[in-house]
Protein backbone atom coordinates (compact mmCIF):
# COMPACT_ATOMS: atom_id res chain seq x y z
CA MET A 1 119.60 82.07 143.55
CA ARG A 2 117.12 84.14 141.69
CA SER A 3 117.82 87.82 141.99
CA VAL A 4 114.97 90.20 143.14
CA ARG A 5 113.91 92.80 140.55
CA LEU A 6 112.64 95.99 142.03
CA GLY A 7 110.35 98.56 140.26
CA ILE A 8 110.76 102.23 140.62
CA LEU A 9 107.85 102.38 143.34
CA GLN A 10 109.62 99.51 145.35
CA LYS A 11 112.96 101.31 145.10
CA GLY A 12 111.28 104.55 146.25
CA LEU A 13 109.59 102.80 149.28
CA ILE A 14 113.02 101.39 150.32
CA LEU A 15 114.67 104.66 149.88
CA LEU A 16 111.96 106.11 152.19
CA CYS A 17 111.67 103.24 154.72
CA VAL A 18 115.32 102.39 155.41
CA PRO A 19 116.32 105.81 156.67
CA LEU A 20 112.91 105.85 158.65
CA LEU A 21 113.57 102.48 160.24
CA PHE A 22 117.23 103.68 161.08
CA GLU A 23 115.88 106.77 162.66
CA THR A 24 113.21 104.81 164.52
CA VAL A 25 116.02 102.65 165.98
CA VAL A 26 118.05 105.77 167.00
CA ALA A 27 114.83 107.35 168.52
CA GLY A 28 114.34 104.11 170.59
CA SER A 29 117.93 104.21 171.76
CA LEU A 30 117.78 107.78 172.67
CA ILE A 31 114.51 107.34 174.71
CA TYR A 32 116.18 104.45 176.59
CA LEU A 33 119.35 106.52 177.30
CA GLN A 34 117.32 109.47 178.22
CA HIS A 35 115.46 107.19 180.76
CA TYR A 36 118.70 105.75 182.07
CA TYR A 37 120.25 109.30 182.31
CA ALA A 38 117.28 110.32 184.32
CA SER A 39 117.60 107.47 186.60
CA SER A 40 121.26 107.95 187.07
CA VAL A 41 120.76 111.65 187.89
CA LYS A 42 117.85 110.74 190.36
CA ALA A 43 120.29 108.04 191.97
CA GLU A 44 122.97 110.60 192.40
CA VAL A 45 120.63 113.25 193.88
CA LEU A 46 119.42 110.42 196.28
CA ARG A 47 123.07 109.63 197.41
CA LYS A 48 123.78 113.14 198.04
CA GLN A 49 120.57 113.56 200.20
CA ILE A 50 121.44 110.52 202.16
CA VAL A 51 125.06 111.76 202.95
CA PHE A 52 123.49 115.18 203.94
CA HIS A 53 120.99 113.59 206.44
CA ILE A 54 123.59 111.31 207.90
CA ASN A 55 126.04 114.09 208.43
CA ASP A 56 123.09 115.98 210.18
CA PHE A 57 122.33 112.95 212.26
CA LEU A 58 126.10 112.78 213.29
CA PHE A 59 126.24 116.44 214.16
CA TYR A 60 123.08 116.41 216.33
CA SER A 61 123.99 113.11 218.03
CA THR A 62 127.54 114.42 218.78
CA GLN A 63 126.04 117.80 220.10
CA LEU A 64 123.80 115.85 222.35
CA SER A 65 126.69 113.95 224.00
CA THR A 66 129.29 116.93 224.16
CA GLY A 67 126.62 119.44 225.44
CA ASN A 68 125.41 117.16 228.25
CA LEU A 69 129.05 116.17 229.22
CA GLY A 70 129.77 119.84 229.62
CA LEU A 71 127.03 120.37 232.05
CA VAL A 72 127.41 117.24 234.10
CA PHE A 73 129.51 118.82 236.79
CA ILE A 74 127.16 121.83 237.17
CA LYS A 75 124.86 121.87 240.30
CA ASP A 76 121.17 120.99 239.44
CA PHE A 77 122.23 119.29 236.25
CA HIS A 78 119.45 117.80 234.10
CA PRO A 79 120.15 116.07 230.53
CA ASP A 80 119.39 118.37 227.68
CA TRP A 81 117.32 116.35 225.02
CA THR A 82 116.87 119.18 222.51
CA THR A 83 118.99 117.72 219.81
CA ASP A 84 117.72 114.20 220.44
CA SER A 85 114.47 114.95 218.37
CA ARG A 86 116.53 116.36 215.57
CA ALA A 87 118.87 113.44 215.47
CA LEU A 88 115.98 111.08 215.46
CA SER A 89 114.18 113.02 212.55
CA GLU A 90 117.48 112.82 210.47
CA TYR A 91 117.60 109.06 211.21
CA GLU A 92 114.01 108.66 209.81
CA SER A 93 114.87 110.58 206.77
CA VAL A 94 118.02 108.38 206.11
CA LYS A 95 115.99 105.20 206.70
CA THR A 96 113.44 106.38 204.11
CA LEU A 97 115.99 107.26 201.54
CA LEU A 98 117.93 104.02 201.94
CA GLY A 99 114.87 102.12 200.76
CA GLU A 100 115.43 98.44 200.24
CA ASP A 101 119.30 98.32 200.42
CA PRO A 102 119.82 95.47 203.06
CA GLN A 103 123.41 96.26 203.86
CA GLN A 104 122.91 99.84 204.56
CA GLN A 105 119.69 99.24 206.42
CA GLN A 106 121.80 96.86 208.63
CA ARG A 107 124.38 99.52 209.23
CA LEU A 108 121.67 101.91 209.94
CA GLY A 109 120.25 99.64 212.46
CA ASP A 110 123.70 99.37 214.19
CA ILE A 111 123.87 103.06 214.30
CA ILE A 112 120.40 103.62 215.83
CA ALA A 113 121.32 100.92 218.50
CA CYS A 114 124.53 102.58 219.36
CA TYR A 115 122.85 105.94 219.50
CA ASN A 116 120.16 104.40 221.81
CA ARG A 117 122.98 103.34 224.15
CA VAL A 118 124.34 106.84 224.14
CA ARG A 119 120.93 108.07 225.10
CA ASP A 120 120.83 105.41 227.94
CA LEU A 121 124.23 106.46 229.24
CA LEU A 122 123.22 110.14 229.13
CA GLY A 123 120.30 109.17 231.31
CA LYS A 124 122.60 107.64 234.00
CA LEU A 125 124.63 110.96 234.48
CA THR A 126 123.73 112.83 237.74
CA SER A 127 124.10 116.44 238.78
CA GLY A 128 127.57 115.91 240.23
CA PRO A 129 129.41 115.09 243.30
CA ARG A 130 128.73 118.51 245.01
CA ASP A 131 124.98 117.66 245.12
CA ALA A 132 125.41 114.32 246.78
CA PRO A 133 124.68 114.14 250.47
CA GLY A 134 127.77 113.19 252.36
CA GLN A 135 131.32 112.68 251.21
CA LEU A 136 130.86 108.85 250.26
CA ALA A 137 127.98 109.67 248.16
CA GLN A 138 129.82 112.41 246.32
CA VAL A 139 132.80 109.95 245.60
CA LEU A 140 130.20 107.27 244.37
CA ALA A 141 128.40 109.81 242.14
CA LEU A 142 131.81 111.05 240.65
CA LYS A 143 132.71 107.47 239.96
CA SER A 144 129.43 106.79 238.29
CA ASN A 145 129.72 109.92 236.11
CA LEU A 146 133.29 109.04 235.16
CA ARG A 147 132.11 105.39 234.22
CA ALA A 148 129.24 107.04 232.14
CA CYS A 149 131.54 109.44 230.47
CA LYS A 150 133.91 106.74 229.47
CA GLY A 151 130.98 104.72 228.04
CA LEU A 152 129.72 107.75 226.29
CA MET A 153 133.09 108.45 224.68
CA ALA A 154 133.46 104.78 223.56
CA GLU A 155 129.79 104.64 222.04
CA ASN A 156 130.39 108.00 220.21
CA ILE A 157 133.60 106.56 218.77
CA LYS A 158 131.59 103.51 217.50
CA LEU A 159 128.85 105.59 216.46
CA GLY A 160 131.23 107.83 214.28
CA ASP A 161 132.75 104.66 212.77
CA LEU A 162 129.44 103.18 211.96
CA ILE A 163 128.35 106.45 210.29
CA SER A 164 131.65 106.71 208.33
CA LEU A 165 131.15 103.26 206.89
CA LEU A 166 127.60 104.11 205.74
CA ARG A 167 128.64 107.51 204.35
CA GLU A 168 131.63 106.12 202.38
CA LYS A 169 129.62 103.65 200.74
CA GLU A 170 127.09 106.27 199.81
CA LEU A 171 129.84 108.54 198.49
CA ARG A 172 131.43 105.80 196.49
CA GLN A 173 128.06 105.06 195.00
CA SER A 174 127.50 108.90 194.39
CA VAL A 175 130.86 108.98 192.55
CA ARG A 176 129.92 105.97 190.28
CA THR A 177 126.58 107.36 189.63
CA ALA A 178 128.00 110.77 188.58
CA GLU A 179 130.39 108.91 186.26
CA GLN A 180 127.40 107.02 184.77
CA VAL A 181 125.61 110.28 184.29
CA ARG A 182 128.59 111.71 182.53
CA ALA A 183 129.04 108.54 180.45
CA VAL A 184 125.32 108.53 179.39
CA ALA A 185 125.33 112.12 178.54
CA GLY A 186 128.32 111.60 176.28
CA LEU A 187 126.71 108.58 174.78
CA ILE A 188 123.46 110.48 174.07
CA GLN A 189 125.53 113.15 172.20
CA LEU A 190 127.42 110.41 170.18
CA VAL A 191 124.21 108.79 169.29
CA LEU A 192 122.70 112.09 168.14
CA ALA A 193 125.74 112.69 166.00
CA GLY A 194 125.72 109.22 164.59
CA ALA A 195 122.14 109.55 163.75
CA ILE A 196 122.55 112.63 161.80
CA VAL A 197 125.86 111.32 160.03
CA GLY A 198 124.26 107.78 159.59
CA SER A 199 121.02 108.98 158.33
CA ALA A 200 122.67 111.17 155.74
CA ILE A 201 125.10 108.38 154.61
CA ILE A 202 122.41 105.80 154.48
CA GLY A 203 120.14 108.05 152.38
CA LEU A 204 123.13 109.10 150.11
CA LEU A 205 124.11 105.45 149.53
CA LEU A 206 120.51 104.23 148.75
CA PHE A 207 119.91 107.27 146.58
CA ARG A 208 123.14 106.59 144.62
CA TYR A 209 122.52 102.98 144.45
CA PHE A 210 118.99 103.30 143.14
CA MET A 211 119.25 106.55 141.13
CA ARG A 212 122.48 105.34 139.40
CA GLY A 213 120.25 102.57 137.95
CA ILE A 214 117.37 104.88 137.16
CA HIS A 215 119.60 107.57 135.64
CA SER A 216 121.49 105.00 133.57
CA GLY A 217 118.08 103.57 132.32
CA VAL A 218 116.82 106.89 131.47
CA GLN A 219 120.04 107.97 129.59
CA THR A 220 119.85 104.71 127.71
CA LEU A 221 116.19 105.22 126.87
CA VAL A 222 116.78 108.82 125.77
CA GLY A 223 119.84 107.70 123.76
CA ASN A 224 117.63 105.04 121.97
CA ILE A 225 114.99 107.55 121.09
CA GLN A 226 117.77 109.76 119.63
CA HIS A 227 119.28 106.76 117.75
CA PHE A 228 115.82 105.96 116.39
CA LYS A 229 115.21 109.51 115.29
CA ASN A 230 118.67 109.47 113.51
CA GLY A 231 117.95 106.06 111.99
CA GLU A 232 120.85 104.47 113.92
CA PRO A 233 121.04 100.90 115.66
CA LEU A 234 119.62 101.03 119.21
CA ALA A 235 121.54 100.20 122.14
CA PRO A 236 120.82 96.75 123.90
CA ALA A 237 117.65 96.63 125.87
CA ILE A 238 117.90 97.54 129.54
CA GLU A 239 118.00 94.68 131.90
CA GLY A 240 115.73 94.64 135.00
CA ALA A 241 111.97 94.56 135.70
CA ASP A 242 111.30 98.16 136.61
CA GLU A 243 109.19 100.62 134.61
CA ILE A 244 112.01 102.00 132.69
CA ALA A 245 113.27 98.61 131.40
CA PHE A 246 109.68 97.81 130.68
CA LEU A 247 109.35 100.94 128.59
CA ASP A 248 112.72 100.45 126.81
CA ALA A 249 111.60 96.84 125.84
CA ARG A 250 108.43 98.20 124.46
CA PHE A 251 110.27 100.83 122.66
CA HIS A 252 112.62 98.14 121.12
CA ASP A 253 109.44 96.41 120.00
CA MET A 254 107.98 99.43 118.43
CA ALA A 255 111.24 100.24 116.58
CA LYS A 256 111.16 96.74 115.16
CA ASP A 257 107.59 97.22 114.05
CA VAL A 258 108.60 100.53 112.57
CA ALA A 259 111.59 98.98 110.85
CA SER A 260 109.35 96.27 109.42
CA ALA A 261 106.76 98.87 108.25
CA GLN A 262 109.61 101.03 106.80
CA ARG A 263 110.88 97.98 104.82
CA MET A 264 107.40 97.52 103.52
CA LYS A 265 107.13 100.93 102.66
CA GLN A 266 110.54 101.07 100.89
CA ALA A 267 109.55 98.06 98.94
CA PHE A 268 106.30 99.70 98.07
CA ILE A 269 108.01 102.92 96.85
CA SER A 270 110.56 100.76 94.93
CA ALA A 271 107.75 99.13 93.21
CA LEU A 272 106.19 102.45 92.40
CA SER A 273 109.56 103.67 91.08
CA SER A 274 110.39 100.70 88.89
CA GLU A 275 106.95 99.42 87.99
CA PHE A 276 104.78 102.52 87.66
CA ARG A 277 107.20 105.31 86.57
CA ALA A 278 107.65 104.05 82.89
CA PRO A 279 103.98 103.32 82.17
CA ILE A 280 102.83 106.52 83.75
CA SER A 281 105.44 108.66 81.86
CA ALA A 282 104.35 106.92 78.61
CA THR A 283 100.79 107.63 79.44
CA ARG A 284 101.44 111.29 80.29
CA GLU A 285 103.42 111.88 77.02
CA TYR A 286 100.54 110.27 75.04
CA LEU A 287 97.87 112.61 76.97
CA ALA A 288 100.16 115.57 76.26
CA ASP A 289 100.20 114.76 72.53
CA LEU A 290 96.31 114.47 72.70
CA SER A 291 95.80 117.79 74.69
CA VAL A 292 97.65 119.79 72.09
CA GLY A 293 95.61 118.35 69.28
CA SER A 294 97.95 116.11 67.53
CA ASP A 295 95.07 113.64 67.02
CA ARG A 296 92.61 115.58 64.78
CA GLY A 297 89.81 113.25 65.48
CA LEU A 298 89.63 114.26 69.19
CA SER A 299 87.03 116.62 70.25
CA GLU A 300 87.74 119.82 72.31
CA ARG A 301 85.96 118.12 75.38
CA GLY A 302 88.26 115.08 74.86
CA ARG A 303 91.25 117.29 74.70
CA ASP A 304 90.25 119.06 77.92
CA ARG A 305 89.78 115.76 79.65
CA ALA A 306 93.26 114.59 78.32
CA ARG A 307 94.88 117.80 79.74
CA THR A 308 93.14 116.99 83.10
CA ALA A 309 94.51 113.51 83.06
CA GLU A 310 97.91 114.82 82.19
CA VAL A 311 97.83 117.18 85.26
CA SER A 312 96.81 114.32 87.51
CA LEU A 313 99.65 112.07 86.34
CA GLU A 314 102.05 114.90 86.72
CA ARG A 315 100.95 115.17 90.26
CA LEU A 316 101.27 111.54 90.62
CA ILE A 317 104.77 111.51 89.16
CA GLY A 318 105.50 114.41 91.73
CA LEU A 319 104.27 112.49 94.57
CA ILE A 320 106.38 109.41 93.68
CA ASN A 321 109.52 111.73 93.36
CA ASP A 322 108.67 113.26 96.69
CA LEU A 323 108.25 109.94 98.48
CA LEU A 324 111.56 108.68 97.05
CA ALA A 325 113.36 111.85 98.32
CA LEU A 326 112.15 111.20 101.94
CA ASP A 327 112.39 107.43 101.96
CA ALA A 328 112.91 106.66 105.66
CA PRO A 329 112.66 108.49 109.00
CA GLY A 330 115.91 110.16 110.08
CA THR A 331 117.70 109.61 106.65
CA SER A 332 117.66 111.49 103.56
CA GLY A 333 117.79 110.16 99.92
CA ILE A 334 118.77 113.71 98.81
CA GLU A 335 122.37 114.21 97.69
CA ILE A 336 124.03 117.71 97.45
CA ARG A 337 126.97 118.85 95.59
CA PRO A 338 127.61 122.39 96.74
CA ARG A 339 129.93 124.95 95.15
CA SER A 340 130.38 128.61 94.61
CA CYS A 341 127.65 129.95 92.37
CA SER A 342 125.58 132.90 91.49
CA LEU A 343 122.30 132.95 93.61
CA THR A 344 120.87 135.52 91.27
CA GLU A 345 121.10 133.09 88.34
CA ILE A 346 119.61 130.40 90.53
CA ILE A 347 116.72 132.59 91.47
CA GLN A 348 116.09 133.67 87.81
CA SER A 349 116.18 129.94 86.76
CA ALA A 350 113.43 129.20 89.40
CA ILE A 351 111.36 132.10 88.32
CA ASP A 352 111.40 130.99 84.69
CA ALA A 353 110.38 127.51 85.80
CA VAL A 354 107.14 128.87 87.36
CA MET A 355 106.41 131.59 84.91
CA VAL A 356 103.66 129.60 83.04
CA GLN A 357 102.03 128.81 86.39
CA ALA A 358 102.30 132.39 87.43
CA GLU A 359 100.67 133.77 84.17
CA HIS A 360 97.95 131.20 84.26
CA ASN A 361 96.94 132.46 87.84
CA GLY A 362 97.58 136.18 86.83
CA ILE A 363 100.50 136.57 89.40
CA ARG A 364 103.64 138.65 88.79
CA VAL A 365 106.95 137.22 90.04
CA LEU A 366 109.58 139.87 90.92
CA GLY A 367 113.30 138.80 91.36
CA PRO A 368 115.91 140.71 93.23
CA ASN A 369 117.77 143.72 91.88
CA GLY A 370 121.36 143.08 93.05
CA GLN A 371 123.80 140.11 92.78
CA ALA A 372 124.43 137.54 95.38
CA GLN A 373 126.69 134.50 95.77
CA ALA A 374 126.19 131.31 97.85
CA TYR A 375 127.98 128.07 98.40
CA ALA A 376 125.24 125.58 97.44
CA ASP A 377 124.00 122.98 94.96
CA PRO A 378 122.25 125.10 92.13
CA ASP A 379 119.90 122.31 91.21
CA ARG A 380 118.77 121.72 94.76
CA ILE A 381 118.29 125.33 95.35
CA VAL A 382 116.24 125.79 92.30
CA GLN A 383 114.10 122.94 93.59
CA VAL A 384 113.63 124.88 97.00
CA LEU A 385 112.77 128.10 95.17
CA VAL A 386 110.48 126.41 92.63
CA ASN A 387 108.48 124.74 95.66
CA LEU A 388 108.30 128.14 97.48
CA LEU A 389 107.37 130.11 94.43
CA SER A 390 104.80 127.44 93.37
CA ASN A 391 103.16 127.64 96.94
CA ALA A 392 103.16 131.41 96.94
CA ILE A 393 101.62 131.43 93.34
CA LYS A 394 98.83 128.95 94.35
CA PHE A 395 97.81 130.84 97.54
CA SER A 396 98.10 134.34 96.12
CA PRO A 397 95.13 136.32 94.80
CA ALA A 398 95.02 137.10 91.10
CA GLY A 399 96.67 140.37 90.32
CA SER A 400 99.16 140.24 93.03
CA SER A 401 102.96 139.95 93.13
CA VAL A 402 105.27 137.35 94.69
CA VAL A 403 108.55 138.98 95.48
CA VAL A 404 111.97 137.17 95.85
CA SER A 405 114.71 139.15 97.74
CA THR A 406 118.15 138.58 99.11
CA ASN A 407 119.99 139.92 102.21
CA THR A 408 123.29 139.10 103.87
CA VAL A 409 122.96 138.04 107.41
CA ASN A 410 126.44 137.56 109.23
CA ASP A 411 128.23 135.03 107.04
CA GLN A 412 125.10 133.79 105.32
CA VAL A 413 122.96 134.94 102.49
CA GLU A 414 119.09 135.07 103.09
CA VAL A 415 116.71 134.38 100.35
CA ARG A 416 112.96 135.44 101.00
CA VAL A 417 109.82 134.62 98.95
CA SER A 418 106.94 136.99 99.99
CA ASP A 419 103.42 136.98 98.88
CA THR A 420 100.19 138.60 99.87
CA GLY A 421 98.03 135.41 100.20
CA ARG A 422 95.99 133.93 103.04
CA GLY A 423 98.96 133.53 105.39
CA VAL A 424 99.64 130.73 107.68
CA PRO A 425 97.94 130.40 111.23
CA ALA A 426 100.45 130.74 114.20
CA HIS A 427 99.81 127.30 115.24
CA LEU A 428 100.75 125.69 112.04
CA ARG A 429 103.97 127.60 111.33
CA GLU A 430 106.07 124.88 112.61
CA ALA A 431 103.96 122.03 111.64
CA ILE A 432 103.87 122.77 107.97
CA PHE A 433 107.66 121.81 107.83
CA GLU A 434 106.52 118.26 108.69
CA ARG A 435 105.57 115.59 106.29
CA PHE A 436 102.07 115.39 104.98
CA ARG A 437 100.98 118.47 106.80
CA GLN A 438 99.01 121.34 105.15
CA VAL A 439 97.49 124.47 106.23
CA ALA A 440 93.88 123.32 105.22
CA ALA A 441 92.56 119.91 104.69
CA THR A 442 91.22 120.82 101.31
CA ASP A 443 94.69 121.92 99.96
CA ALA A 444 95.60 118.42 98.68
CA THR A 445 92.45 118.29 96.47
CA GLU A 446 91.77 122.06 95.60
CA LYS A 447 95.51 123.12 95.40
CA GLY A 448 97.17 119.93 94.26
CA GLY A 449 99.50 119.77 97.28
CA THR A 450 101.12 116.66 98.72
CA GLY A 451 102.32 117.94 102.08
CA LEU A 452 105.88 116.97 101.10
CA GLY A 453 107.33 120.03 99.49
CA LEU A 454 108.21 122.11 102.49
CA PRO A 455 109.72 119.07 104.29
CA ILE A 456 111.90 118.44 101.37
CA CYS A 457 112.85 122.17 101.17
CA LYS A 458 113.92 121.97 104.89
CA GLU A 459 115.78 118.82 104.28
CA ILE A 460 117.72 120.45 101.48
CA VAL A 461 118.49 123.75 103.23
CA GLU A 462 119.65 121.83 106.39
CA LEU A 463 121.88 119.62 104.24
CA HIS A 464 123.69 122.85 103.23
CA GLY A 465 124.14 123.92 106.89
CA GLY A 466 121.48 126.50 106.62
CA GLN A 467 118.00 127.42 108.16
CA ILE A 468 114.58 127.82 106.84
CA GLY A 469 111.65 129.57 108.49
CA LEU A 470 108.37 131.49 108.13
CA GLU A 471 107.03 134.92 108.85
CA SER A 472 103.29 135.27 108.28
CA LYS A 473 100.22 137.18 109.17
CA GLU A 474 96.71 135.57 108.49
CA GLY A 475 94.89 137.24 105.70
CA LYS A 476 97.92 139.43 104.88
CA GLY A 477 100.48 137.04 103.23
CA SER A 478 103.63 134.94 104.09
CA SER A 479 107.32 135.32 103.85
CA PHE A 480 109.33 132.16 103.66
CA TRP A 481 113.03 132.42 104.04
CA PHE A 482 116.09 130.33 104.00
CA ARG A 483 119.79 130.97 104.81
CA LEU A 484 122.72 129.49 102.93
CA PRO A 485 126.51 129.89 103.54
CA ILE A 486 128.24 132.45 101.33
CA SER A 487 131.54 130.68 101.00
CA GLY A 488 132.50 126.98 101.39
CA PRO A 489 135.08 125.55 103.86
CA SER A 490 138.04 125.89 101.46
CA GLU A 491 137.28 129.54 100.82
CA GLU A 492 137.14 130.69 104.34
């Protein structure tokens, strides 16, 4: 079965919708339980009202019988129907509250029938034997009253039994309803707690499931970027169909294209190195001979043009050397052989190398006064200093000075090359250490720069475990500095 590949947007929607769906189900359950709880409470209240009114009916009906029986032997007796209306009112209330319960309605019908018989018997009571005319009439009245009293007692007992049956059922239902109310209340609390815990767990699990893949993909992509920067093999492409996998796949394609272009560039540079270096060097030597007048048949103008061509070839050879030194992104073709050496002697060698250029431009180059030691490759540091000094000389006004100074910073020695030239704008102070970057677009043609000198200097200094930087004010000059270790690992 083909697996479903989800993008980041789809994963985000699932992460949002699944907890929302769960909470919707919980909300629906709570609404239903709340409705059931309200119905149960209402039913419980109804049962209590029925019991209350049936008790009042029993009270008033009993009071009707006992009150009249207590007065039956009194002269001028007349039945007291005061509590009858109250009893009938309570009966109507009970009848209304019982609603559509057929069994209870049947019992209530039996109760009212029994109560009506009680009322009929009360209507048969007379004022007593003493009020009857003649002795025989009194005996007959007494016998009638005794028979009515006996019937009243029997009917009251039956009425009480019927009311007890109706009341007991209502009380049992009230107890069951109360238990339902408590159970529903507990269930609502359980659902609320489960909703909170369940929503948190679902959100956490979904977040962990989706974000683990996203985090892993991002880490892989970041690692591939770092591997590409360092010139190392890339990790395998991320599996999946989300945006991160797509981006990683495109990054792999780009890396392949860059590698292909790099191979073409290296082949081109190798061709320059092997095919062009020898004829260019031979041509430069010939032009050098012409420029110094070794060929007496050459005019002064010809010698000037020969010197111009020689300078151009020198620049071309420098460009080839710089390209060979920086042959691939993230890797270096520069080798260093550090050792303990005199930094003062290295600085003097670099000054001697640029002295002709300095004199031609009318610049004084001043070295440090004290002695300094460093753990470095002397030839490479001379290369760094020659590059920094050449730049300082090229961009300094005639008659100014370029100063080289040294200073100890913690366990490193710092070398500064300061000039009073045009300076470097703030937004370019980091960029000039990148390849093919220059302060002005015209520097390549007017000053003879390639944009590779400072990147090579940075590469050499960092291979020594040092740092390189720049302090500058526009229009007031620049101060390039680099730091090298004073002692090597075996000397610490």
